[in-house]
């Protein structure tokens, strides 16, 4: 199956990001946002803005993130990833598997581990 998702443009107004977070129990959470640093901080803060699936599951580690050109593309990518097995998601994180559309993979080391 191949999705048709445009490549991010240099002058795109507001890129969207798809990310995966690993919990202390090694479960994976997938989400989308326009600001990874802000959203990951919200998850780590364990407040009302934290995704319910991540509450009480700290420490959290950001293990995967990509940039997409718009909200629609990010939603399509999120749906595709959520349909994959955990095994496939782990291969995607390790780089052994690539997504069936074009994207820009990010270096997310500055957000990786909860303090």
C-alpha atoms as a PDB file:
ATOM      1  CA  UNK A   1       0.000   0.000   0.000  1.00  0.00           C
ATOM      2  CA  UNK A   2       1.370   3.403  -0.930  1.00  0.00           C
ATOM      3  CA  UNK A   3       0.083   6.713   0.407  1.00  0.00           C
ATOM      4  CA  UNK A   4       0.286   9.888  -1.597  1.00  0.00           C
ATOM      5  CA  UNK A   5       1.682  12.463   0.812  1.00  0.00           C
ATOM      6  CA  UNK A   6       3.530  15.518  -0.515  1.00  0.00           C
ATOM      7  CA  UNK A   7       7.099  16.253   0.519  1.00  0.00           C
ATOM      8  CA  UNK A   8       7.493  19.182   2.980  1.00  0.00           C
ATOM      9  CA  UNK A   9       8.213  22.439   1.168  1.00  0.00           C
ATOM     10  CA  UNK A  10      10.916  24.887   2.204  1.00  0.00           C
ATOM     11  CA  UNK A  11       8.387  27.736   2.509  1.00  0.00           C
ATOM     12  CA  UNK A  12       5.558  25.739   4.085  1.00  0.00           C
ATOM     13  CA  UNK A  13       3.665  27.899   6.554  1.00  0.00           C
ATOM     14  CA  UNK A  14       3.170  25.453   9.389  1.00  0.00           C
ATOM     15  CA  UNK A  15       4.697  21.989   9.095  1.00  0.00           C
ATOM     16  CA  UNK A  16       3.206  19.178  11.117  1.00  0.00           C
ATOM     17  CA  UNK A  17       5.122  16.471  12.920  1.00  0.00           C
ATOM     18  CA  UNK A  18       4.349  12.857  13.625  1.00  0.00           C
ATOM     19  CA  UNK A  19       6.059  11.347  16.654  1.00  0.00           C
ATOM     20  CA  UNK A  20       6.241   8.167  18.710  1.00  0.00           C
ATOM     21  CA  UNK A  21       6.816   8.059  22.451  1.00  0.00           C
ATOM     22  CA  UNK A  22       7.913   4.955  24.374  1.00  0.00           C
ATOM     23  CA  UNK A  23       6.687   4.484  27.952  1.00  0.00           C
ATOM     24  CA  UNK A  24       8.441   2.763  30.845  1.00  0.00           C
ATOM     25  CA  UNK A  25       6.493  -0.399  29.975  1.00  0.00           C
ATOM     26  CA  UNK A  26       7.769  -0.236  26.374  1.00  0.00           C
ATOM     27  CA  UNK A  27       4.375   0.596  24.912  1.00  0.00           C
ATOM     28  CA  UNK A  28       4.372   3.021  21.992  1.00  0.00           C
ATOM     29  CA  UNK A  29       2.161   6.094  21.630  1.00  0.00           C
ATOM     30  CA  UNK A  30       1.812   7.843  18.255  1.00  0.00           C
ATOM     31  CA  UNK A  31       0.664  11.428  17.862  1.00  0.00           C
ATOM     32  CA  UNK A  32       0.836  14.518  15.665  1.00  0.00           C
ATOM     33  CA  UNK A  33       1.580  18.144  16.525  1.00  0.00           C
ATOM     34  CA  UNK A  34       2.886  21.424  15.121  1.00  0.00           C
ATOM     35  CA  UNK A  35       5.459  21.726  17.945  1.00  0.00           C
ATOM     36  CA  UNK A  36       7.232  18.582  19.150  1.00  0.00           C
ATOM     37  CA  UNK A  37       9.113  20.235  22.019  1.00  0.00           C
ATOM     38  CA  UNK A  38       5.926  21.739  23.453  1.00  0.00           C
ATOM     39  CA  UNK A  39       3.856  18.572  23.010  1.00  0.00           C
ATOM     40  CA  UNK A  40       6.509  16.278  24.490  1.00  0.00           C
ATOM     41  CA  UNK A  41       6.826  18.650  27.474  1.00  0.00           C
ATOM     42  CA  UNK A  42       3.047  18.480  27.940  1.00  0.00           C
ATOM     43  CA  UNK A  43       3.188  14.680  27.949  1.00  0.00           C
ATOM     44  CA  UNK A  44       6.068  14.662  30.441  1.00  0.00           C
ATOM     45  CA  UNK A  45       4.328  17.157  32.741  1.00  0.00           C
ATOM     46  CA  UNK A  46       1.537  14.640  33.472  1.00  0.00           C
ATOM     47  CA  UNK A  47      -1.172  17.333  33.542  1.00  0.00           C
ATOM     48  CA  UNK A  48      -4.569  17.667  31.890  1.00  0.00           C
ATOM     49  CA  UNK A  49      -2.808  18.228  28.532  1.00  0.00           C
ATOM     50  CA  UNK A  50      -1.059  14.858  28.744  1.00  0.00           C
ATOM     51  CA  UNK A  51      -2.573  12.199  26.481  1.00  0.00           C
ATOM     52  CA  UNK A  52      -4.625   9.832  28.635  1.00  0.00           C
ATOM     53  CA  UNK A  53      -2.701   6.867  27.251  1.00  0.00           C
ATOM     54  CA  UNK A  54       0.517   8.303  28.720  1.00  0.00           C
ATOM     55  CA  UNK A  55      -0.685   9.328  32.173  1.00  0.00           C
ATOM     56  CA  UNK A  56       1.171   7.500  34.923  1.00  0.00           C
ATOM     57  CA  UNK A  57       3.520   5.807  32.461  1.00  0.00           C
ATOM     58  CA  UNK A  58       6.652   7.909  32.967  1.00  0.00           C
ATOM     59  CA  UNK A  59       9.497   8.078  32.161  1.00  0.00           C
ATOM     60  CA  UNK A  60       8.719   8.828  28.527  1.00  0.00           C
ATOM     61  CA  UNK A  61      11.174   8.715  25.651  1.00  0.00           C
ATOM     62  CA  UNK A  62      10.689  10.322  22.256  1.00  0.00           C
ATOM     63  CA  UNK A  63      11.842   7.584  19.883  1.00  0.00           C
ATOM     64  CA  UNK A  64      10.686   8.717  16.451  1.00  0.00           C
ATOM     65  CA  UNK A  65       9.692  11.945  14.719  1.00  0.00           C
ATOM     66  CA  UNK A  66       9.150  13.092  11.145  1.00  0.00           C
ATOM     67  CA  UNK A  67       8.132  16.361   9.512  1.00  0.00           C
ATOM     68  CA  UNK A  68       5.171  16.510   7.146  1.00  0.00           C
ATOM     69  CA  UNK A  69       3.896  19.459   5.100  1.00  0.00           C
ATOM     70  CA  UNK A  70       0.382  19.803   6.487  1.00  0.00           C
ATOM     71  CA  UNK A  71      -2.271  18.522   8.902  1.00  0.00           C
ATOM     72  CA  UNK A  72      -3.872  16.229   6.336  1.00  0.00           C
ATOM     73  CA  UNK A  73      -0.562  14.511   5.566  1.00  0.00           C
ATOM     74  CA  UNK A  74       0.176  14.110   9.266  1.00  0.00           C
ATOM     75  CA  UNK A  75      -3.236  12.515   9.897  1.00  0.00           C
ATOM     76  CA  UNK A  76      -2.774  10.076   7.012  1.00  0.00           C
ATOM     77  CA  UNK A  77       0.670   9.096   8.304  1.00  0.00           C
ATOM     78  CA  UNK A  78      -0.628   8.716  11.876  1.00  0.00           C
ATOM     79  CA  UNK A  79      -3.455   6.450  10.727  1.00  0.00           C
ATOM     80  CA  UNK A  80      -1.025   4.348   8.675  1.00  0.00           C
ATOM     81  CA  UNK A  81       1.367   3.919  11.612  1.00  0.00           C
ATOM     82  CA  UNK A  82      -1.405   3.107  14.085  1.00  0.00           C
ATOM     83  CA  UNK A  83      -2.495   0.244  11.809  1.00  0.00           C
ATOM     84  CA  UNK A  84       0.978  -1.317  11.950  1.00  0.00           C
ATOM     85  CA  UNK A  85       2.068  -4.025  14.389  1.00  0.00           C
ATOM     86  CA  UNK A  86       4.385  -3.171  17.245  1.00  0.00           C
ATOM     87  CA  UNK A  87       7.084  -5.182  15.475  1.00  0.00           C
ATOM     88  CA  UNK A  88       6.732  -2.979  12.375  1.00  0.00           C
ATOM     89  CA  UNK A  89       6.807   0.181  14.501  1.00  0.00           C
ATOM     90  CA  UNK A  90      10.038  -0.960  16.159  1.00  0.00           C
ATOM     91  CA  UNK A  91      11.561  -1.608  12.717  1.00  0.00           C
ATOM     92  CA  UNK A  92      10.475   1.873  11.670  1.00  0.00           C
ATOM     93  CA  UNK A  93      12.132   3.383  14.744  1.00  0.00           C
ATOM     94  CA  UNK A  94      15.369   1.471  14.127  1.00  0.00           C
ATOM     95  CA  UNK A  95      15.422   2.449  10.457  1.00  0.00           C
ATOM     96  CA  UNK A  96      14.965  -1.118   9.176  1.00  0.00           C
ATOM     97  CA  UNK A  97      11.581  -0.146   7.702  1.00  0.00           C
ATOM     98  CA  UNK A  98      10.682   2.973   5.772  1.00  0.00           C
ATOM     99  CA  UNK A  99       7.336   4.657   5.453  1.00  0.00           C
ATOM    100  CA  UNK A 100       5.443   4.270   2.143  1.00  0.00           C
ATOM    101  CA  UNK A 101       5.559   8.021   1.508  1.00  0.00           C
ATOM    102  CA  UNK A 102       8.101  10.849   1.470  1.00  0.00           C
ATOM    103  CA  UNK A 103       8.950  12.650   4.688  1.00  0.00           C
ATOM    104  CA  UNK A 104      11.796  14.326   6.518  1.00  0.00           C
ATOM    105  CA  UNK A 105      13.117  12.398   9.540  1.00  0.00           C
ATOM    106  CA  UNK A 106      14.153  14.620  12.439  1.00  0.00           C
ATOM    107  CA  UNK A 107      17.016  14.418  14.891  1.00  0.00           C
ATOM    108  CA  UNK A 108      15.053  14.450  18.136  1.00  0.00           C
ATOM    109  CA  UNK A 109      17.933  13.908  20.583  1.00  0.00           C
ATOM    110  CA  UNK A 110      17.213  17.170  22.399  1.00  0.00           C
ATOM    111  CA  UNK A 111      13.787  15.835  23.456  1.00  0.00           C
ATOM    112  CA  UNK A 112      14.650  12.195  24.043  1.00  0.00           C
ATOM    113  CA  UNK A 113      14.446  11.479  27.761  1.00  0.00           C
ATOM    114  CA  UNK A 114      12.386  12.787  30.601  1.00  0.00           C
ATOM    115  CA  UNK A 115      14.428  14.735  33.132  1.00  0.00           C
END
